[in-house]
Amino acid sequence: MTMKGESENGGITEDTTLLRDSSVPKKAELRRKYFSKQKNLEKFYFEPNLVYTFEFFANFFSPVRYSLELTPYFQIDVAPYFNGYP
């Protein structure tokens, strides 16, 4: 069973419908580059009555498996080091 916002493989399914501007790229990698420019960033704002979720980027950390993945063969479960905090 998958949860809302979760893909079949456990990844995060993005919902960018609030970004009604068609110039905003659909792919996360291109969107990150787009929003790195101040002029693009200034067009958008947060609505205080909505709940937002965010994903952060770390090329060695897998939030799906909550592990540090240095190579496909070397993975460390980091959950015990955070004392139960996400």
PDB file of N, CA and C in Angstrom:
ATOM      1  N   MET A   1       0.841  -1.189   0.000  1.00  0.00           N
ATOM      2  CA  MET A   1       0.000   0.000   0.000  1.00  0.00           C
ATOM      3  C   MET A   1       0.882   1.246   0.000  1.00  0.00           C
ATOM      4  N   THR A   2       0.617   2.191  -0.880  1.00  0.00           N
ATOM      5  CA  THR A   2       1.367   3.437  -0.903  1.00  0.00           C
ATOM      6  C   THR A   2       0.547   4.545  -0.266  1.00  0.00           C
ATOM      7  N   MET A   3       1.235   5.467   0.326  1.00  0.00           N
ATOM      8  CA  MET A   3       0.582   6.614   0.954  1.00  0.00           C
ATOM      9  C   MET A   3       0.467   7.740  -0.055  1.00  0.00           C
ATOM     10  N   LYS A   4      -0.372   8.694   0.222  1.00  0.00           N
ATOM     11  CA  LYS A   4      -0.523   9.872  -0.645  1.00  0.00           C
ATOM     12  C   LYS A   4       0.818  10.601  -0.682  1.00  0.00           C
ATOM     13  N   GLY A   5       1.296  10.900  -1.874  1.00  0.00           N
ATOM     14  CA  GLY A   5       2.574  11.574  -2.032  1.00  0.00           C
ATOM     15  C   GLY A   5       3.761  10.633  -2.134  1.00  0.00           C
ATOM     16  N   GLU A   6       3.476   9.321  -2.140  1.00  0.00           N
ATOM     17  CA  GLU A   6       4.550   8.329  -2.216  1.00  0.00           C
ATOM     18  C   GLU A   6       4.379   7.523  -3.494  1.00  0.00           C
ATOM     19  N   SER A   7       5.474   7.312  -4.224  1.00  0.00           N
ATOM     20  CA  SER A   7       5.407   6.525  -5.447  1.00  0.00           C
ATOM     21  C   SER A   7       5.485   5.038  -5.117  1.00  0.00           C
ATOM     22  N   GLU A   8       5.340   4.203  -6.125  1.00  0.00           N
ATOM     23  CA  GLU A   8       5.371   2.751  -5.940  1.00  0.00           C
ATOM     24  C   GLU A   8       6.690   2.260  -5.343  1.00  0.00           C
ATOM     25  N   ASN A   9       7.809   2.937  -5.683  1.00  0.00           N
ATOM     26  CA  ASN A   9       9.114   2.503  -5.179  1.00  0.00           C
ATOM     27  C   ASN A   9       9.503   3.201  -3.871  1.00  0.00           C
ATOM     28  N   GLY A  10       8.579   3.913  -3.242  1.00  0.00           N
ATOM     29  CA  GLY A  10       8.858   4.567  -1.969  1.00  0.00           C
ATOM     30  C   GLY A  10       9.386   5.982  -2.090  1.00  0.00           C
ATOM     31  N   GLY A  11       9.532   6.488  -3.304  1.00  0.00           N
ATOM     32  CA  GLY A  11       9.994   7.859  -3.509  1.00  0.00           C
ATOM     33  C   GLY A  11       8.877   8.866  -3.268  1.00  0.00           C
ATOM     34  N   ILE A  12       9.211  10.118  -3.334  1.00  0.00           N
ATOM     35  CA  ILE A  12       8.245  11.189  -3.102  1.00  0.00           C
ATOM     36  C   ILE A  12       7.665  11.644  -4.434  1.00  0.00           C
ATOM     37  N   THR A  13       6.343  11.690  -4.521  1.00  0.00           N
ATOM     38  CA  THR A  13       5.662  12.187  -5.711  1.00  0.00           C
ATOM     39  C   THR A  13       5.403  13.672  -5.509  1.00  0.00           C
ATOM     40  N   GLU A  14       5.907  14.475  -6.416  1.00  0.00           N
ATOM     41  CA  GLU A  14       5.763  15.921  -6.278  1.00  0.00           C
ATOM     42  C   GLU A  14       4.416  16.403  -6.806  1.00  0.00           C
ATOM     43  N   ASP A  15       3.865  17.377  -6.122  1.00  0.00           N
ATOM     44  CA  ASP A  15       2.650  18.041  -6.569  1.00  0.00           C
ATOM     45  C   ASP A  15       2.981  19.522  -6.671  1.00  0.00           C
ATOM     46  N   THR A  16       3.180  19.995  -7.882  1.00  0.00           N
ATOM     47  CA  THR A  16       3.572  21.388  -8.092  1.00  0.00           C
ATOM     48  C   THR A  16       2.429  22.219  -8.681  1.00  0.00           C
ATOM     49  N   THR A  17       1.187  21.815  -8.409  1.00  0.00           N
ATOM     50  CA  THR A  17       0.045  22.523  -8.988  1.00  0.00           C
ATOM     51  C   THR A  17      -0.058  23.964  -8.504  1.00  0.00           C
ATOM     52  N   LEU A  18       0.481  24.281  -7.332  1.00  0.00           N
ATOM     53  CA  LEU A  18       0.435  25.666  -6.854  1.00  0.00           C
ATOM     54  C   LEU A  18       1.390  26.584  -7.621  1.00  0.00           C
ATOM     55  N   LEU A  19       2.329  25.991  -8.354  1.00  0.00           N
ATOM     56  CA  LEU A  19       3.233  26.776  -9.201  1.00  0.00           C
ATOM     57  C   LEU A  19       2.574  26.933 -10.561  1.00  0.00           C
ATOM     58  N   ARG A  20       1.586  27.775 -10.634  1.00  0.00           N
ATOM     59  CA  ARG A  20       0.749  27.899 -11.833  1.00  0.00           C
ATOM     60  C   ARG A  20       1.478  28.516 -13.022  1.00  0.00           C
ATOM     61  N   ASP A  21       2.672  28.968 -12.822  1.00  0.00           N
ATOM     62  CA  ASP A  21       3.476  29.580 -13.886  1.00  0.00           C
ATOM     63  C   ASP A  21       4.044  28.475 -14.777  1.00  0.00           C
ATOM     64  N   SER A  22       3.743  28.507 -16.063  1.00  0.00           N
ATOM     65  CA  SER A  22       4.194  27.455 -16.976  1.00  0.00           C
ATOM     66  C   SER A  22       5.694  27.501 -17.242  1.00  0.00           C
ATOM     67  N   SER A  23       6.376  28.598 -16.865  1.00  0.00           N
ATOM     68  CA  SER A  23       7.819  28.683 -17.083  1.00  0.00           C
ATOM     69  C   SER A  23       8.617  27.927 -16.019  1.00  0.00           C
ATOM     70  N   VAL A  24       7.959  27.497 -14.940  1.00  0.00           N
ATOM     71  CA  VAL A  24       8.641  26.742 -13.889  1.00  0.00           C
ATOM     72  C   VAL A  24       8.837  25.310 -14.374  1.00  0.00           C
ATOM     73  N   PRO A  25      10.086  24.822 -14.399  1.00  0.00           N
ATOM     74  CA  PRO A  25      10.342  23.450 -14.872  1.00  0.00           C
ATOM     75  C   PRO A  25       9.673  22.391 -14.002  1.00  0.00           C
ATOM     76  N   LYS A  26       9.251  21.311 -14.618  1.00  0.00           N
ATOM     77  CA  LYS A  26       8.601  20.211 -13.901  1.00  0.00           C
ATOM     78  C   LYS A  26       9.618  19.335 -13.163  1.00  0.00           C
ATOM     79  N   LYS A  27      10.806  19.171 -13.731  1.00  0.00           N
ATOM     80  CA  LYS A  27      11.826  18.329 -13.108  1.00  0.00           C
ATOM     81  C   LYS A  27      12.496  19.081 -11.958  1.00  0.00           C
ATOM     82  N   ALA A  28      12.684  18.387 -10.834  1.00  0.00           N
ATOM     83  CA  ALA A  28      13.232  19.004  -9.624  1.00  0.00           C
ATOM     84  C   ALA A  28      14.609  19.605  -9.856  1.00  0.00           C
ATOM     85  N   GLU A  29      15.451  18.924 -10.600  1.00  0.00           N
ATOM     86  CA  GLU A  29      16.808  19.402 -10.856  1.00  0.00           C
ATOM     87  C   GLU A  29      16.796  20.745 -11.594  1.00  0.00           C
ATOM     88  N   LEU A  30      15.945  20.855 -12.609  1.00  0.00           N
ATOM     89  CA  LEU A  30      15.835  22.104 -13.373  1.00  0.00           C
ATOM     90  C   LEU A  30      15.139  23.188 -12.557  1.00  0.00           C
ATOM     91  N   ARG A  31      14.181  22.774 -11.722  1.00  0.00           N
ATOM     92  CA  ARG A  31      13.462  23.738 -10.875  1.00  0.00           C
ATOM     93  C   ARG A  31      14.398  24.367  -9.834  1.00  0.00           C
ATOM     94  N   ARG A  32      15.313  23.566  -9.300  1.00  0.00           N
ATOM     95  CA  ARG A  32      16.288  24.079  -8.335  1.00  0.00           C
ATOM     96  C   ARG A  32      17.146  25.179  -8.984  1.00  0.00           C
ATOM     97  N   LYS A  33      17.560  24.941 -10.221  1.00  0.00           N
ATOM     98  CA  LYS A  33      18.359  25.927 -10.951  1.00  0.00           C
ATOM     99  C   LYS A  33      17.529  27.178 -11.252  1.00  0.00           C
ATOM    100  N   TYR A  34      16.266  26.973 -11.615  1.00  0.00           N
ATOM    101  CA  TYR A  34      15.357  28.086 -11.926  1.00  0.00           C
ATOM    102  C   TYR A  34      15.187  28.998 -10.710  1.00  0.00           C
ATOM    103  N   PHE A  35      14.938  28.398  -9.544  1.00  0.00           N
ATOM    104  CA  PHE A  35      14.701  29.186  -8.335  1.00  0.00           C
ATOM    105  C   PHE A  35      15.976  29.713  -7.685  1.00  0.00           C
ATOM    106  N   SER A  36      17.123  29.375  -8.235  1.00  0.00           N
ATOM    107  CA  SER A  36      18.369  29.941  -7.708  1.00  0.00           C
ATOM    108  C   SER A  36      18.561  31.390  -8.171  1.00  0.00           C
ATOM    109  N   LYS A  37      17.748  31.821  -9.115  1.00  0.00           N
ATOM    110  CA  LYS A  37      17.808  33.210  -9.601  1.00  0.00           C
ATOM    111  C   LYS A  37      16.790  34.057  -8.847  1.00  0.00           C
ATOM    112  N   GLN A  38      17.229  35.159  -8.293  1.00  0.00           N
ATOM    113  CA  GLN A  38      16.402  36.031  -7.453  1.00  0.00           C
ATOM    114  C   GLN A  38      15.148  36.516  -8.193  1.00  0.00           C
ATOM    115  N   LYS A  39      15.278  36.872  -9.472  1.00  0.00           N
ATOM    116  CA  LYS A  39      14.122  37.400 -10.223  1.00  0.00           C
ATOM    117  C   LYS A  39      13.016  36.352 -10.362  1.00  0.00           C
ATOM    118  N   ASN A  40      13.382  35.074 -10.485  1.00  0.00           N
ATOM    119  CA  ASN A  40      12.375  34.008 -10.558  1.00  0.00           C
ATOM    120  C   ASN A  40      11.751  33.745  -9.199  1.00  0.00           C
ATOM    121  N   LEU A  41      12.548  33.825  -8.168  1.00  0.00           N
ATOM    122  CA  LEU A  41      12.092  33.552  -6.810  1.00  0.00           C
ATOM    123  C   LEU A  41      11.093  34.601  -6.325  1.00  0.00           C
ATOM    124  N   GLU A  42      11.281  35.846  -6.728  1.00  0.00           N
ATOM    125  CA  GLU A  42      10.436  36.948  -6.263  1.00  0.00           C
ATOM    126  C   GLU A  42       8.992  36.875  -6.763  1.00  0.00           C
ATOM    127  N   LYS A  43       8.717  36.075  -7.767  1.00  0.00           N
ATOM    128  CA  LYS A  43       7.361  35.949  -8.310  1.00  0.00           C
ATOM    129  C   LYS A  43       6.440  35.128  -7.410  1.00  0.00           C
ATOM    130  N   PHE A  44       7.023  34.376  -6.485  1.00  0.00           N
ATOM    131  CA  PHE A  44       6.250  33.426  -5.690  1.00  0.00           C
ATOM    132  C   PHE A  44       6.295  33.774  -4.209  1.00  0.00           C
ATOM    133  N   TYR A  45       5.285  33.330  -3.481  1.00  0.00           N
ATOM    134  CA  TYR A  45       5.212  33.578  -2.040  1.00  0.00           C
ATOM    135  C   TYR A  45       4.410  32.438  -1.407  1.00  0.00           C
ATOM    136  N   PHE A  46       4.516  32.318  -0.101  1.00  0.00           N
ATOM    137  CA  PHE A  46       3.789  31.278   0.635  1.00  0.00           C
ATOM    138  C   PHE A  46       2.474  31.831   1.155  1.00  0.00           C
ATOM    139  N   GLU A  47       1.418  31.053   1.009  1.00  0.00           N
ATOM    140  CA  GLU A  47       0.108  31.405   1.554  1.00  0.00           C
ATOM    141  C   GLU A  47       0.054  30.899   2.998  1.00  0.00           C
ATOM    142  N   PRO A  48      -0.256  31.740   3.977  1.00  0.00           N
ATOM    143  CA  PRO A  48      -0.237  31.303   5.375  1.00  0.00           C
ATOM    144  C   PRO A  48      -1.304  30.276   5.746  1.00  0.00           C
ATOM    145  N   ASN A  49      -2.358  30.147   4.950  1.00  0.00           N
ATOM    146  CA  ASN A  49      -3.428  29.195   5.285  1.00  0.00           C
ATOM    147  C   ASN A  49      -3.213  27.810   4.673  1.00  0.00           C
ATOM    148  N   LEU A  50      -2.094  27.590   3.982  1.00  0.00           N
ATOM    149  CA  LEU A  50      -1.788  26.293   3.375  1.00  0.00           C
ATOM    150  C   LEU A  50      -0.679  25.586   4.148  1.00  0.00           C
ATOM    151  N   VAL A  51      -0.652  24.269   4.055  1.00  0.00           N
ATOM    152  CA  VAL A  51       0.410  23.476   4.659  1.00  0.00           C
ATOM    153  C   VAL A  51       1.332  23.018   3.532  1.00  0.00           C
ATOM    154  N   TYR A  52       2.625  23.281   3.671  1.00  0.00           N
ATOM    155  CA  TYR A  52       3.607  22.927   2.653  1.00  0.00           C
ATOM    156  C   TYR A  52       4.526  21.832   3.176  1.00  0.00           C
ATOM    157  N   THR A  53       5.029  21.015   2.280  1.00  0.00           N
ATOM    158  CA  THR A  53       6.057  20.050   2.634  1.00  0.00           C
ATOM    159  C   THR A  53       7.266  20.318   1.756  1.00  0.00           C
ATOM    160  N   PHE A  54       8.425  19.999   2.269  1.00  0.00           N
ATOM    161  CA  PHE A  54       9.655  20.269   1.547  1.00  0.00           C
ATOM    162  C   PHE A  54      10.551  19.045   1.570  1.00  0.00           C
ATOM    163  N   GLU A  55      11.323  18.904   0.538  1.00  0.00           N
ATOM    164  CA  GLU A  55      12.314  17.847   0.470  1.00  0.00           C
ATOM    165  C   GLU A  55      13.670  18.533   0.359  1.00  0.00           C
ATOM    166  N   PHE A  56      14.656  17.983   1.012  1.00  0.00           N
ATOM    167  CA  PHE A  56      15.988  18.551   0.893  1.00  0.00           C
ATOM    168  C   PHE A  56      16.856  17.623   0.057  1.00  0.00           C
ATOM    169  N   PHE A  57      17.926  18.187  -0.476  1.00  0.00           N
ATOM    170  CA  PHE A  57      18.801  17.421  -1.345  1.00  0.00           C
ATOM    171  C   PHE A  57      20.107  17.115  -0.633  1.00  0.00           C
ATOM    172  N   ALA A  58      20.457  15.866  -0.586  1.00  0.00           N
ATOM    173  CA  ALA A  58      21.761  15.419  -0.121  1.00  0.00           C
ATOM    174  C   ALA A  58      22.096  14.172  -0.920  1.00  0.00           C
ATOM    175  N   ASN A  59      23.119  14.236  -1.714  1.00  0.00           N
ATOM    176  CA  ASN A  59      23.360  13.134  -2.646  1.00  0.00           C
ATOM    177  C   ASN A  59      23.773  11.828  -1.975  1.00  0.00           C
ATOM    178  N   PHE A  60      24.155  11.838  -0.704  1.00  0.00           N
ATOM    179  CA  PHE A  60      24.515  10.595  -0.026  1.00  0.00           C
ATOM    180  C   PHE A  60      23.437  10.120   0.948  1.00  0.00           C
ATOM    181  N   PHE A  61      22.460  10.952   1.241  1.00  0.00           N
ATOM    182  CA  PHE A  61      21.434  10.583   2.207  1.00  0.00           C
ATOM    183  C   PHE A  61      20.155  10.171   1.491  1.00  0.00           C
ATOM    184  N   SER A  62      19.607   9.007   1.865  1.00  0.00           N
ATOM    185  CA  SER A  62      18.351   8.536   1.298  1.00  0.00           C
ATOM    186  C   SER A  62      17.258   8.677   2.352  1.00  0.00           C
ATOM    187  N   PRO A  63      16.338   9.665   2.202  1.00  0.00           N
ATOM    188  CA  PRO A  63      15.270   9.811   3.175  1.00  0.00           C
ATOM    189  C   PRO A  63      14.270   8.655   3.130  1.00  0.00           C
ATOM    190  N   VAL A  64      14.180   7.971   2.011  1.00  0.00           N
ATOM    191  CA  VAL A  64      13.264   6.843   1.893  1.00  0.00           C
ATOM    192  C   VAL A  64      13.722   5.698   2.800  1.00  0.00           C
ATOM    193  N   ARG A  65      15.030   5.417   2.780  1.00  0.00           N
ATOM    194  CA  ARG A  65      15.581   4.337   3.597  1.00  0.00           C
ATOM    195  C   ARG A  65      16.229   4.850   4.880  1.00  0.00           C
ATOM    196  N   TYR A  66      16.303   6.181   5.048  1.00  0.00           N
ATOM    197  CA  TYR A  66      16.917   6.831   6.212  1.00  0.00           C
ATOM    198  C   TYR A  66      18.316   6.275   6.448  1.00  0.00           C
ATOM    199  N   SER A  67      19.102   6.299   5.356  1.00  0.00           N
ATOM    200  CA  SER A  67      20.448   5.756   5.439  1.00  0.00           C
ATOM    201  C   SER A  67      21.428   6.620   4.668  1.00  0.00           C
ATOM    202  N   LEU A  68      22.678   6.502   5.057  1.00  0.00           N
ATOM    203  CA  LEU A  68      23.780   7.153   4.361  1.00  0.00           C
ATOM    204  C   LEU A  68      24.291   6.140   3.350  1.00  0.00           C
ATOM    205  N   GLU A  69      24.199   6.476   2.071  1.00  0.00           N
ATOM    206  CA  GLU A  69      24.558   5.535   1.017  1.00  0.00           C
ATOM    207  C   GLU A  69      25.766   6.067   0.253  1.00  0.00           C
ATOM    208  N   LEU A  70      26.924   5.596   0.654  1.00  0.00           N
ATOM    209  CA  LEU A  70      28.160   6.070   0.032  1.00  0.00           C
ATOM    210  C   LEU A  70      28.441   5.377  -1.292  1.00  0.00           C
ATOM    211  N   THR A  71      28.099   4.116  -1.381  1.00  0.00           N
ATOM    212  CA  THR A  71      28.177   3.350  -2.627  1.00  0.00           C
ATOM    213  C   THR A  71      26.973   2.406  -2.625  1.00  0.00           C
ATOM    214  N   PRO A  72      26.695   1.750  -3.744  1.00  0.00           N
ATOM    215  CA  PRO A  72      25.586   0.780  -3.728  1.00  0.00           C
ATOM    216  C   PRO A  72      25.817  -0.373  -2.746  1.00  0.00           C
ATOM    217  N   TYR A  73      27.065  -0.585  -2.351  1.00  0.00           N
ATOM    218  CA  TYR A  73      27.400  -1.704  -1.462  1.00  0.00           C
ATOM    219  C   TYR A  73      27.678  -1.284  -0.033  1.00  0.00           C
ATOM    220  N   PHE A  74      27.738   0.018   0.229  1.00  0.00           N
ATOM    221  CA  PHE A  74      28.056   0.507   1.572  1.00  0.00           C
ATOM    222  C   PHE A  74      26.978   1.490   2.027  1.00  0.00           C
ATOM    223  N   GLN A  75      26.092   1.017   2.910  1.00  0.00           N
ATOM    224  CA  GLN A  75      24.989   1.829   3.416  1.00  0.00           C
ATOM    225  C   GLN A  75      24.964   1.757   4.934  1.00  0.00           C
ATOM    226  N   ILE A  76      24.725   2.898   5.571  1.00  0.00           N
ATOM    227  CA  ILE A  76      24.671   2.961   7.027  1.00  0.00           C
ATOM    228  C   ILE A  76      23.304   3.480   7.444  1.00  0.00           C
ATOM    229  N   ASP A  77      22.610   2.748   8.280  1.00  0.00           N
ATOM    230  CA  ASP A  77      21.334   3.194   8.837  1.00  0.00           C
ATOM    231  C   ASP A  77      21.634   4.287   9.866  1.00  0.00           C
ATOM    232  N   VAL A  78      21.119   5.499   9.649  1.00  0.00           N
ATOM    233  CA  VAL A  78      21.435   6.617  10.544  1.00  0.00           C
ATOM    234  C   VAL A  78      20.346   6.895  11.581  1.00  0.00           C
ATOM    235  N   ALA A  79      19.248   6.182  11.535  1.00  0.00           N
ATOM    236  CA  ALA A  79      18.151   6.409  12.482  1.00  0.00           C
ATOM    237  C   ALA A  79      18.589   6.318  13.943  1.00  0.00           C
ATOM    238  N   PRO A  80      19.426   5.354  14.344  1.00  0.00           N
ATOM    239  CA  PRO A  80      19.818   5.277  15.754  1.00  0.00           C
ATOM    240  C   PRO A  80      20.582   6.504  16.262  1.00  0.00           C
ATOM    241  N   TYR A  81      21.187   7.259  15.366  1.00  0.00           N
ATOM    242  CA  TYR A  81      21.992   8.411  15.766  1.00  0.00           C
ATOM    243  C   TYR A  81      21.164   9.669  15.995  1.00  0.00           C
ATOM    244  N   PHE A  82      19.894   9.648  15.646  1.00  0.00           N
ATOM    245  CA  PHE A  82      19.044  10.824  15.783  1.00  0.00           C
ATOM    246  C   PHE A  82      18.066  10.731  16.961  1.00  0.00           C
ATOM    247  N   ASN A  83      18.208   9.714  17.783  1.00  0.00           N
ATOM    248  CA  ASN A  83      17.421   9.584  19.017  1.00  0.00           C
ATOM    249  C   ASN A  83      15.917   9.669  18.763  1.00  0.00           C
ATOM    250  N   GLY A  84      15.465   9.093  17.652  1.00  0.00           N
ATOM    251  CA  GLY A  84      14.046   9.070  17.347  1.00  0.00           C
ATOM    252  C   GLY A  84      13.517  10.312  16.661  1.00  0.00           C
ATOM    253  N   TYR A  85      14.375  11.303  16.404  1.00  0.00           N
ATOM    254  CA  TYR A  85      13.917  12.510  15.716  1.00  0.00           C
ATOM    255  C   TYR A  85      14.134  12.361  14.223  1.00  0.00           C
ATOM    256  N   PRO A  86      13.233  12.940  13.411  1.00  0.00           N
ATOM    257  CA  PRO A  86      13.405  12.833  11.947  1.00  0.00           C
ATOM    258  C   PRO A  86      14.538  13.699  11.443  1.00  0.00           C
TER     259      PRO A  86
END
